PDB file of N, CA and C in Angstrom:
ATOM      1  N   MET A   1      39.387 -35.219 -21.043  1.00  0.00           N
ATOM      2  CA  MET A   1      38.117 -35.423 -21.695  1.00  0.00           C
ATOM      3  C   MET A   1      37.035 -35.628 -20.629  1.00  0.00           C
ATOM      4  N   ILE A   2      35.835 -35.137 -20.911  1.00  0.00           N
ATOM      5  CA  ILE A   2      34.731 -35.219 -19.952  1.00  0.00           C
ATOM      6  C   ILE A   2      34.077 -36.594 -20.025  1.00  0.00           C
ATOM      7  N   ASP A   3      33.850 -37.145 -18.861  1.00  0.00           N
ATOM      8  CA  ASP A   3      33.177 -38.436 -18.741  1.00  0.00           C
ATOM      9  C   ASP A   3      31.735 -38.296 -19.251  1.00  0.00           C
ATOM     10  N   PRO A   4      31.229 -39.264 -20.026  1.00  0.00           N
ATOM     11  CA  PRO A   4      29.856 -39.174 -20.546  1.00  0.00           C
ATOM     12  C   PRO A   4      28.796 -39.010 -19.449  1.00  0.00           C
ATOM     13  N   ALA A   5      29.012 -39.633 -18.306  1.00  0.00           N
ATOM     14  CA  ALA A   5      28.052 -39.486 -17.203  1.00  0.00           C
ATOM     15  C   ALA A   5      28.046 -38.050 -16.685  1.00  0.00           C
ATOM     16  N   ASP A   6      29.230 -37.442 -16.604  1.00  0.00           N
ATOM     17  CA  ASP A   6      29.318 -36.047 -16.176  1.00  0.00           C
ATOM     18  C   ASP A   6      28.643 -35.132 -17.191  1.00  0.00           C
ATOM     19  N   MET A   7      28.826 -35.437 -18.472  1.00  0.00           N
ATOM     20  CA  MET A   7      28.213 -34.629 -19.522  1.00  0.00           C
ATOM     21  C   MET A   7      26.687 -34.718 -19.438  1.00  0.00           C
ATOM     22  N   ARG A   8      26.166 -35.916 -19.203  1.00  0.00           N
ATOM     23  CA  ARG A   8      24.710 -36.084 -19.067  1.00  0.00           C
ATOM     24  C   ARG A   8      24.194 -35.313 -17.853  1.00  0.00           C
ATOM     25  N   ALA A   9      24.943 -35.351 -16.768  1.00  0.00           N
ATOM     26  CA  ALA A   9      24.541 -34.624 -15.560  1.00  0.00           C
ATOM     27  C   ALA A   9      24.552 -33.118 -15.813  1.00  0.00           C
ATOM     28  N   LEU A  10      25.552 -32.639 -16.535  1.00  0.00           N
ATOM     29  CA  LEU A  10      25.636 -31.218 -16.857  1.00  0.00           C
ATOM     30  C   LEU A  10      24.471 -30.793 -17.745  1.00  0.00           C
ATOM     31  N   VAL A  11      24.174 -31.585 -18.758  1.00  0.00           N
ATOM     32  CA  VAL A  11      23.059 -31.271 -19.652  1.00  0.00           C
ATOM     33  C   VAL A  11      21.742 -31.281 -18.877  1.00  0.00           C
ATOM     34  N   ALA A  12      21.567 -32.237 -17.982  1.00  0.00           N
ATOM     35  CA  ALA A  12      20.349 -32.302 -17.170  1.00  0.00           C
ATOM     36  C   ALA A  12      20.236 -31.070 -16.269  1.00  0.00           C
ATOM     37  N   ALA A  13      21.348 -30.660 -15.675  1.00  0.00           N
ATOM     38  CA  ALA A  13      21.339 -29.476 -14.813  1.00  0.00           C
ATOM     39  C   ALA A  13      21.008 -28.223 -15.614  1.00  0.00           C
ATOM     40  N   LEU A  14      21.572 -28.108 -16.807  1.00  0.00           N
ATOM     41  CA  LEU A  14      21.269 -26.955 -17.659  1.00  0.00           C
ATOM     42  C   LEU A  14      19.797 -26.950 -18.071  1.00  0.00           C
ATOM     43  N   HIS A  15      19.251 -28.118 -18.340  1.00  0.00           N
ATOM     44  CA  HIS A  15      17.837 -28.221 -18.699  1.00  0.00           C
ATOM     45  C   HIS A  15      16.957 -27.765 -17.532  1.00  0.00           C
ATOM     46  N   GLU A  16      17.275 -28.220 -16.324  1.00  0.00           N
ATOM     47  CA  GLU A  16      16.516 -27.809 -15.139  1.00  0.00           C
ATOM     48  C   GLU A  16      16.637 -26.307 -14.909  1.00  0.00           C
ATOM     49  N   GLN A  17      17.828 -25.771 -15.109  1.00  0.00           N
ATOM     50  CA  GLN A  17      18.035 -24.335 -14.932  1.00  0.00           C
ATOM     51  C   GLN A  17      17.215 -23.548 -15.951  1.00  0.00           C
ATOM     52  N   THR A  18      17.187 -24.016 -17.187  1.00  0.00           N
ATOM     53  CA  THR A  18      16.411 -23.353 -18.232  1.00  0.00           C
ATOM     54  C   THR A  18      14.927 -23.364 -17.887  1.00  0.00           C
ATOM     55  N   GLN A  19      14.436 -24.488 -17.386  1.00  0.00           N
ATOM     56  CA  GLN A  19      13.030 -24.567 -16.982  1.00  0.00           C
ATOM     57  C   GLN A  19      12.730 -23.581 -15.853  1.00  0.00           C
ATOM     58  N   ALA A  20      13.628 -23.472 -14.893  1.00  0.00           N
ATOM     59  CA  ALA A  20      13.429 -22.545 -13.776  1.00  0.00           C
ATOM     60  C   ALA A  20      13.424 -21.102 -14.265  1.00  0.00           C
ATOM     61  N   ILE A  21      14.312 -20.765 -15.165  1.00  0.00           N
ATOM     62  CA  ILE A  21      14.362 -19.406 -15.715  1.00  0.00           C
ATOM     63  C   ILE A  21      13.083 -19.104 -16.481  1.00  0.00           C
ATOM     64  N   ASN A  22      12.586 -20.077 -17.241  1.00  0.00           N
ATOM     65  CA  ASN A  22      11.336 -19.881 -17.982  1.00  0.00           C
ATOM     66  C   ASN A  22      10.158 -19.674 -17.035  1.00  0.00           C
ATOM     67  N   ARG A  23      10.120 -20.425 -15.924  1.00  0.00           N
ATOM     68  CA  ARG A  23       9.048 -20.235 -14.941  1.00  0.00           C
ATOM     69  C   ARG A  23       9.138 -18.841 -14.328  1.00  0.00           C
ATOM     70  N   LEU A  24      10.337 -18.384 -14.039  1.00  0.00           N
ATOM     71  CA  LEU A  24      10.524 -17.047 -13.477  1.00  0.00           C
ATOM     72  C   LEU A  24      10.074 -15.974 -14.465  1.00  0.00           C
ATOM     73  N   ALA A  25      10.432 -16.137 -15.727  1.00  0.00           N
ATOM     74  CA  ALA A  25      10.018 -15.173 -16.750  1.00  0.00           C
ATOM     75  C   ALA A  25       8.499 -15.142 -16.880  1.00  0.00           C
ATOM     76  N   ASP A  26       7.856 -16.304 -16.852  1.00  0.00           N
ATOM     77  CA  ASP A  26       6.393 -16.360 -16.927  1.00  0.00           C
ATOM     78  C   ASP A  26       5.765 -15.669 -15.721  1.00  0.00           C
ATOM     79  N   SER A  27       6.328 -15.916 -14.544  1.00  0.00           N
ATOM     80  CA  SER A  27       5.820 -15.295 -13.329  1.00  0.00           C
ATOM     81  C   SER A  27       5.971 -13.778 -13.393  1.00  0.00           C
ATOM     82  N   ASN A  28       7.112 -13.317 -13.853  1.00  0.00           N
ATOM     83  CA  ASN A  28       7.337 -11.877 -13.982  1.00  0.00           C
ATOM     84  C   ASN A  28       6.343 -11.258 -14.953  1.00  0.00           C
ATOM     85  N   GLN A  29       6.053 -11.954 -16.056  1.00  0.00           N
ATOM     86  CA  GLN A  29       5.094 -11.439 -17.032  1.00  0.00           C
ATOM     87  C   GLN A  29       3.702 -11.354 -16.420  1.00  0.00           C
ATOM     88  N   GLN A  30       3.342 -12.332 -15.592  1.00  0.00           N
ATOM     89  CA  GLN A  30       2.039 -12.297 -14.925  1.00  0.00           C
ATOM     90  C   GLN A  30       1.941 -11.110 -13.971  1.00  0.00           C
ATOM     91  N   VAL A  31       3.019 -10.814 -13.259  1.00  0.00           N
ATOM     92  CA  VAL A  31       3.028  -9.658 -12.354  1.00  0.00           C
ATOM     93  C   VAL A  31       2.874  -8.373 -13.153  1.00  0.00           C
ATOM     94  N   ILE A  32       3.588  -8.256 -14.258  1.00  0.00           N
ATOM     95  CA  ILE A  32       3.489  -7.049 -15.098  1.00  0.00           C
ATOM     96  C   ILE A  32       2.073  -6.893 -15.638  1.00  0.00           C
ATOM     97  N   ASP A  33       1.498  -7.998 -16.131  1.00  0.00           N
ATOM     98  CA  ASP A  33       0.127  -7.947 -16.650  1.00  0.00           C
ATOM     99  C   ASP A  33      -0.847  -7.509 -15.562  1.00  0.00           C
ATOM    100  N   TYR A  34      -0.651  -8.033 -14.353  1.00  0.00           N
ATOM    101  CA  TYR A  34      -1.513  -7.654 -13.232  1.00  0.00           C
ATOM    102  C   TYR A  34      -1.372  -6.161 -12.923  1.00  0.00           C
ATOM    103  N   LEU A  35      -0.148  -5.681 -12.863  1.00  0.00           N
ATOM    104  CA  LEU A  35       0.067  -4.265 -12.553  1.00  0.00           C
ATOM    105  C   LEU A  35      -0.535  -3.364 -13.621  1.00  0.00           C
ATOM    106  N   PHE A  36      -0.376  -3.740 -14.884  1.00  0.00           N
ATOM    107  CA  PHE A  36      -0.979  -2.951 -15.962  1.00  0.00           C
ATOM    108  C   PHE A  36      -2.499  -2.940 -15.846  1.00  0.00           C
ATOM    109  N   SER A  37      -3.095  -4.088 -15.509  1.00  0.00           N
ATOM    110  CA  SER A  37      -4.555  -4.136 -15.389  1.00  0.00           C
ATOM    111  C   SER A  37      -5.023  -3.285 -14.210  1.00  0.00           C
ATOM    112  N   GLN A  38      -4.276  -3.312 -13.120  1.00  0.00           N
ATOM    113  CA  GLN A  38      -4.636  -2.500 -11.963  1.00  0.00           C
ATOM    114  C   GLN A  38      -4.513  -1.017 -12.281  1.00  0.00           C
ATOM    115  N   GLU A  39      -3.479  -0.653 -13.009  1.00  0.00           N
ATOM    116  CA  GLU A  39      -3.298   0.747 -13.384  1.00  0.00           C
ATOM    117  C   GLU A  39      -4.421   1.196 -14.305  1.00  0.00           C
ATOM    118  N   ALA A  40      -4.799   0.348 -15.245  1.00  0.00           N
ATOM    119  CA  ALA A  40      -5.878   0.689 -16.167  1.00  0.00           C
ATOM    120  C   ALA A  40      -7.198   0.837 -15.417  1.00  0.00           C
ATOM    121  N   GLU A  41      -7.464  -0.040 -14.452  1.00  0.00           N
ATOM    122  CA  GLU A  41      -8.687   0.072 -13.654  1.00  0.00           C
ATOM    123  C   GLU A  41      -8.686   1.366 -12.852  1.00  0.00           C
ATOM    124  N   GLY A  42      -7.540   1.739 -12.313  1.00  0.00           N
ATOM    125  CA  GLY A  42      -7.437   2.977 -11.544  1.00  0.00           C
ATOM    126  C   GLY A  42      -7.679   4.194 -12.404  1.00  0.00           C
ATOM    127  N   LEU A  43      -7.214   4.155 -13.631  1.00  0.00           N
ATOM    128  CA  LEU A  43      -7.428   5.276 -14.537  1.00  0.00           C
ATOM    129  C   LEU A  43      -8.883   5.345 -14.978  1.00  0.00           C
ATOM    130  N   ASP A  44      -9.525   4.200 -15.142  1.00  0.00           N
ATOM    131  CA  ASP A  44     -10.937   4.169 -15.528  1.00  0.00           C
ATOM    132  C   ASP A  44     -11.819   4.726 -14.421  1.00  0.00           C
ATOM    133  N   ASP A  45     -11.445   4.477 -13.168  1.00  0.00           N
ATOM    134  CA  ASP A  45     -12.235   4.943 -12.029  1.00  0.00           C
ATOM    135  C   ASP A  45     -11.954   6.408 -11.706  1.00  0.00           C
ATOM    136  N   GLY A  46     -10.954   6.975 -12.310  1.00  0.00           N
ATOM    137  CA  GLY A  46     -10.610   8.360 -12.045  1.00  0.00           C
ATOM    138  C   GLY A  46      -9.767   8.541 -10.798  1.00  0.00           C
ATOM    139  N   GLY A  47      -9.460   7.456 -10.095  1.00  0.00           N
ATOM    140  CA  GLY A  47      -8.660   7.543  -8.887  1.00  0.00           C
ATOM    141  C   GLY A  47      -7.195   7.324  -9.184  1.00  0.00           C
ATOM    142  N   ALA A  48      -6.388   7.556  -8.182  1.00  0.00           N
ATOM    143  CA  ALA A  48      -4.954   7.329  -8.337  1.00  0.00           C
ATOM    144  C   ALA A  48      -4.676   5.832  -8.301  1.00  0.00           C
ATOM    145  N   PRO A  49      -3.830   5.340  -9.188  1.00  0.00           N
ATOM    146  CA  PRO A  49      -3.519   3.907  -9.177  1.00  0.00           C
ATOM    147  C   PRO A  49      -2.730   3.527  -7.927  1.00  0.00           C
ATOM    148  N   SER A  50      -2.989   2.337  -7.432  1.00  0.00           N
ATOM    149  CA  SER A  50      -2.293   1.828  -6.256  1.00  0.00           C
ATOM    150  C   SER A  50      -0.948   1.248  -6.673  1.00  0.00           C
ATOM    151  N   THR A  51       0.053   1.436  -5.840  1.00  0.00           N
ATOM    152  CA  THR A  51       1.370   0.878  -6.140  1.00  0.00           C
ATOM    153  C   THR A  51       1.652  -0.351  -5.294  1.00  0.00           C
ATOM    154  N   TYR A  52       0.662  -0.816  -4.525  1.00  0.00           N
ATOM    155  CA  TYR A  52       0.857  -1.959  -3.652  1.00  0.00           C
ATOM    156  C   TYR A  52       0.171  -3.191  -4.226  1.00  0.00           C
ATOM    157  N   LEU A  53       0.746  -4.366  -3.963  1.00  0.00           N
ATOM    158  CA  LEU A  53       0.174  -5.623  -4.432  1.00  0.00           C
ATOM    159  C   LEU A  53      -0.632  -6.275  -3.314  1.00  0.00           C
ATOM    160  N   ASP A  54      -1.558  -5.529  -2.750  1.00  0.00           N
ATOM    161  CA  ASP A  54      -2.398  -6.036  -1.674  1.00  0.00           C
ATOM    162  C   ASP A  54      -3.731  -6.470  -2.270  1.00  0.00           C
ATOM    163  N   PRO A  55      -4.017  -7.790  -2.305  1.00  0.00           N
ATOM    164  CA  PRO A  55      -5.259  -8.251  -2.933  1.00  0.00           C
ATOM    165  C   PRO A  55      -6.515  -7.808  -2.187  1.00  0.00           C
ATOM    166  N   ASP A  56      -6.385  -7.423  -0.906  1.00  0.00           N
ATOM    167  CA  ASP A  56      -7.546  -6.985  -0.132  1.00  0.00           C
ATOM    168  C   ASP A  56      -7.799  -5.488  -0.276  1.00  0.00           C
ATOM    169  N   GLU A  57      -6.873  -4.783  -0.889  1.00  0.00           N
ATOM    170  CA  GLU A  57      -7.012  -3.340  -1.042  1.00  0.00           C
ATOM    171  C   GLU A  57      -8.014  -3.028  -2.137  1.00  0.00           C
ATOM    172  N   GLU A  58      -8.874  -2.076  -1.880  1.00  0.00           N
ATOM    173  CA  GLU A  58      -9.862  -1.694  -2.894  1.00  0.00           C
ATOM    174  C   GLU A  58      -9.693  -0.270  -3.312  1.00  0.00           C
TER     175      GLU A  58
END
């Protein structure tokens, strides 16, 4: 049988892991949104869209 302290530690670790996965998913969504906006701006300007994530690139 699992010790209650071990069970609490496991649940806490799973909670932390879930939070980290959610942060990663949010970050990935922000990158996708950024890329879509950059592609849309490139299409509006008539130029070829950039495939690089260089904030200084114009």
